[in-house]
């Protein structure tokens, strides 16, 4: 799933950490500053990748077992 937003890369990553780790208890499995973060637990994972796209950023999320939460997170990102 992908979405473009005007939010800065670090803001997107920060919001993802708050959402997936803070609200759902997923652990940060990997984090590359200004790029991506991966969360996981014993049932699944969520990967958040952010790429510059002109004056905006493209957010790409992949998941296993966290589809609904990924959809809700994408909805929460400002366009």
N, C-alpha and C. Protein backbone atom coordinates (compact mmCIF):
# COMPACT_ATOMS: atom_id res chain seq x y z
N UNK A 1 0.84 -1.16 0.00
CA UNK A 1 0.00 0.00 0.00
C UNK A 1 0.89 1.23 0.00
N UNK A 2 0.54 2.24 -0.79
CA UNK A 2 1.35 3.45 -0.89
C UNK A 2 0.48 4.69 -0.81
N UNK A 3 1.12 5.77 -0.35
CA UNK A 3 0.44 7.06 -0.25
C UNK A 3 1.48 8.16 -0.32
N UNK A 4 1.13 9.26 -0.98
CA UNK A 4 1.99 10.43 -1.00
C UNK A 4 1.53 11.41 0.07
N UNK A 5 2.50 12.09 0.68
CA UNK A 5 2.19 13.05 1.73
C UNK A 5 3.22 14.17 1.71
N UNK A 6 2.85 15.30 2.27
CA UNK A 6 3.78 16.42 2.39
C UNK A 6 4.54 16.37 3.71
N UNK A 7 4.24 15.39 4.57
CA UNK A 7 4.95 15.26 5.84
C UNK A 7 6.43 14.94 5.60
N UNK A 8 7.29 15.41 6.49
CA UNK A 8 8.71 15.12 6.39
C UNK A 8 8.98 13.66 6.75
N UNK A 9 10.05 13.12 6.21
CA UNK A 9 10.38 11.70 6.41
C UNK A 9 10.48 11.35 7.89
N UNK A 10 11.22 12.15 8.66
CA UNK A 10 11.38 11.84 10.09
C UNK A 10 10.05 11.90 10.83
N UNK A 11 9.14 12.78 10.42
CA UNK A 11 7.82 12.87 11.05
C UNK A 11 7.01 11.60 10.76
N UNK A 12 7.10 11.10 9.55
CA UNK A 12 6.38 9.88 9.18
C UNK A 12 6.89 8.71 9.99
N UNK A 13 8.21 8.58 10.07
CA UNK A 13 8.82 7.48 10.84
C UNK A 13 8.42 7.59 12.31
N UNK A 14 8.46 8.80 12.86
CA UNK A 14 8.09 9.03 14.26
C UNK A 14 6.63 8.64 14.51
N UNK A 15 5.75 9.04 13.61
CA UNK A 15 4.33 8.68 13.75
C UNK A 15 4.13 7.18 13.65
N UNK A 16 4.90 6.52 12.79
CA UNK A 16 4.79 5.06 12.67
C UNK A 16 5.22 4.37 13.96
N UNK A 17 6.29 4.86 14.57
CA UNK A 17 6.75 4.28 15.85
C UNK A 17 5.70 4.48 16.93
N UNK A 18 5.15 5.67 17.01
CA UNK A 18 4.10 5.94 18.00
C UNK A 18 2.90 5.02 17.78
N UNK A 19 2.50 4.86 16.53
CA UNK A 19 1.31 4.08 16.20
C UNK A 19 1.53 2.58 16.42
N UNK A 20 2.53 2.01 15.78
CA UNK A 20 2.69 0.56 15.80
C UNK A 20 3.34 0.04 17.08
N UNK A 21 4.32 0.76 17.61
CA UNK A 21 4.95 0.33 18.86
C UNK A 21 4.13 0.80 20.05
N UNK A 22 3.75 2.07 20.03
CA UNK A 22 3.04 2.64 21.17
C UNK A 22 1.65 2.09 21.39
N UNK A 23 0.87 1.97 20.31
CA UNK A 23 -0.52 1.53 20.45
C UNK A 23 -0.69 0.01 20.39
N UNK A 24 0.18 -0.68 19.66
CA UNK A 24 -0.02 -2.11 19.44
C UNK A 24 1.10 -2.99 19.99
N UNK A 25 2.15 -2.37 20.51
CA UNK A 25 3.21 -3.13 21.16
C UNK A 25 4.15 -3.88 20.24
N UNK A 26 4.13 -3.56 18.94
CA UNK A 26 5.08 -4.19 18.04
C UNK A 26 6.48 -3.69 18.37
N UNK A 27 7.45 -4.55 18.24
CA UNK A 27 8.84 -4.19 18.52
C UNK A 27 9.52 -3.68 17.26
N UNK A 28 10.40 -2.70 17.41
CA UNK A 28 11.18 -2.22 16.28
C UNK A 28 12.24 -3.27 15.97
N UNK A 29 12.13 -3.88 14.79
CA UNK A 29 13.07 -4.93 14.39
C UNK A 29 14.25 -4.34 13.62
N UNK A 30 14.01 -3.22 12.92
CA UNK A 30 15.06 -2.58 12.14
C UNK A 30 14.66 -1.14 11.92
N UNK A 31 15.64 -0.24 11.90
CA UNK A 31 15.37 1.18 11.68
C UNK A 31 16.56 1.80 10.96
N UNK A 32 16.29 2.38 9.81
CA UNK A 32 17.30 3.11 9.06
C UNK A 32 16.84 4.55 9.01
N UNK A 33 17.56 5.49 9.66
CA UNK A 33 17.13 6.89 9.68
C UNK A 33 16.89 7.44 8.27
N UNK A 34 15.88 8.29 8.17
CA UNK A 34 15.51 8.93 6.91
C UNK A 34 15.15 7.95 5.80
N UNK A 35 14.67 6.78 6.18
CA UNK A 35 14.36 5.76 5.16
C UNK A 35 13.20 4.85 5.56
N UNK A 36 13.43 4.08 6.61
CA UNK A 36 12.46 3.02 6.87
C UNK A 36 12.55 2.50 8.30
N UNK A 37 11.47 1.81 8.68
CA UNK A 37 11.42 1.16 9.98
C UNK A 37 10.58 -0.10 9.83
N UNK A 38 11.01 -1.15 10.52
CA UNK A 38 10.27 -2.41 10.49
C UNK A 38 9.89 -2.80 11.90
N UNK A 39 8.64 -3.23 12.05
CA UNK A 39 8.11 -3.67 13.34
C UNK A 39 7.74 -5.14 13.21
N UNK A 40 7.83 -5.87 14.32
CA UNK A 40 7.42 -7.27 14.26
C UNK A 40 7.03 -7.75 15.65
N UNK A 41 6.30 -8.85 15.64
CA UNK A 41 6.02 -9.62 16.84
C UNK A 41 5.89 -11.07 16.40
N UNK A 42 5.43 -11.94 17.26
CA UNK A 42 5.38 -13.36 16.91
C UNK A 42 4.29 -13.71 15.91
N UNK A 43 3.41 -12.77 15.57
CA UNK A 43 2.34 -13.07 14.62
C UNK A 43 2.50 -12.39 13.27
N UNK A 44 3.33 -11.36 13.17
CA UNK A 44 3.45 -10.68 11.89
C UNK A 44 4.43 -9.53 11.92
N UNK A 45 4.34 -8.69 10.89
CA UNK A 45 5.26 -7.57 10.78
C UNK A 45 4.60 -6.42 10.02
N UNK A 46 5.20 -5.25 10.15
CA UNK A 46 4.86 -4.07 9.36
C UNK A 46 6.17 -3.42 8.95
N UNK A 47 6.32 -3.11 7.68
CA UNK A 47 7.48 -2.38 7.18
C UNK A 47 7.01 -1.06 6.62
N UNK A 48 7.65 0.03 7.06
CA UNK A 48 7.33 1.38 6.59
C UNK A 48 8.56 1.90 5.86
N UNK A 49 8.39 2.23 4.58
CA UNK A 49 9.47 2.80 3.78
C UNK A 49 9.01 4.17 3.29
N UNK A 50 9.93 5.13 3.29
CA UNK A 50 9.59 6.48 2.85
C UNK A 50 10.62 6.92 1.82
N UNK A 51 10.12 7.38 0.66
CA UNK A 51 10.99 7.81 -0.43
C UNK A 51 10.62 9.22 -0.86
N UNK A 52 11.62 10.10 -1.03
CA UNK A 52 11.34 11.43 -1.56
C UNK A 52 10.77 11.31 -2.97
N UNK A 53 9.77 12.12 -3.25
CA UNK A 53 9.15 12.13 -4.58
C UNK A 53 8.81 13.58 -4.91
N UNK A 54 9.78 14.27 -5.49
CA UNK A 54 9.60 15.69 -5.76
C UNK A 54 9.55 16.46 -4.45
N UNK A 55 8.52 17.29 -4.30
CA UNK A 55 8.36 18.06 -3.06
C UNK A 55 7.58 17.29 -2.00
N UNK A 56 7.23 16.06 -2.30
CA UNK A 56 6.45 15.24 -1.38
C UNK A 56 7.23 13.98 -1.04
N UNK A 57 6.64 13.13 -0.22
CA UNK A 57 7.25 11.85 0.12
C UNK A 57 6.25 10.73 -0.13
N UNK A 58 6.74 9.62 -0.64
CA UNK A 58 5.90 8.45 -0.85
C UNK A 58 6.13 7.47 0.29
N UNK A 59 5.04 7.06 0.92
CA UNK A 59 5.09 6.11 2.03
C UNK A 59 4.58 4.77 1.51
N UNK A 60 5.38 3.73 1.69
CA UNK A 60 5.00 2.39 1.27
C UNK A 60 5.01 1.49 2.48
N UNK A 61 3.88 0.85 2.75
CA UNK A 61 3.77 -0.07 3.87
C UNK A 61 3.49 -1.48 3.36
N UNK A 62 4.19 -2.45 3.94
CA UNK A 62 3.90 -3.85 3.68
C UNK A 62 3.66 -4.52 5.03
N UNK A 63 2.84 -5.56 5.03
CA UNK A 63 2.47 -6.17 6.29
C UNK A 63 2.10 -7.64 6.13
N UNK A 64 2.14 -8.31 7.25
CA UNK A 64 1.54 -9.64 7.39
C UNK A 64 0.81 -9.62 8.72
N UNK A 65 -0.48 -9.83 8.67
CA UNK A 65 -1.34 -9.92 9.86
C UNK A 65 -1.74 -8.57 10.47
N UNK A 66 -1.32 -7.45 9.91
CA UNK A 66 -1.66 -6.15 10.46
C UNK A 66 -2.33 -5.26 9.41
N UNK A 67 -3.09 -5.86 8.51
CA UNK A 67 -3.69 -5.13 7.39
C UNK A 67 -4.59 -3.98 7.83
N UNK A 68 -5.47 -4.24 8.76
CA UNK A 68 -6.40 -3.19 9.20
C UNK A 68 -5.65 -2.02 9.82
N UNK A 69 -4.67 -2.30 10.66
CA UNK A 69 -3.91 -1.26 11.32
C UNK A 69 -3.09 -0.45 10.31
N UNK A 70 -2.57 -1.11 9.29
CA UNK A 70 -1.84 -0.41 8.23
C UNK A 70 -2.78 0.54 7.48
N UNK A 71 -3.97 0.07 7.16
CA UNK A 71 -4.95 0.94 6.49
C UNK A 71 -5.29 2.15 7.34
N UNK A 72 -5.49 1.94 8.62
CA UNK A 72 -5.82 3.06 9.52
C UNK A 72 -4.65 4.04 9.65
N UNK A 73 -3.44 3.52 9.70
CA UNK A 73 -2.27 4.40 9.77
C UNK A 73 -2.17 5.24 8.50
N UNK A 74 -2.36 4.63 7.36
CA UNK A 74 -2.29 5.37 6.09
C UNK A 74 -3.35 6.46 6.05
N UNK A 75 -4.54 6.17 6.55
CA UNK A 75 -5.60 7.17 6.59
C UNK A 75 -5.21 8.35 7.48
N UNK A 76 -4.42 8.08 8.52
CA UNK A 76 -4.08 9.13 9.48
C UNK A 76 -3.01 10.08 8.95
N UNK A 77 -2.29 9.68 7.90
CA UNK A 77 -1.26 10.56 7.34
C UNK A 77 -1.89 11.67 6.53
N UNK A 78 -1.47 12.89 6.79
CA UNK A 78 -2.00 14.04 6.05
C UNK A 78 -1.48 14.00 4.63
N UNK A 79 -2.34 14.34 3.70
CA UNK A 79 -1.94 14.37 2.28
C UNK A 79 -1.19 15.58 1.99
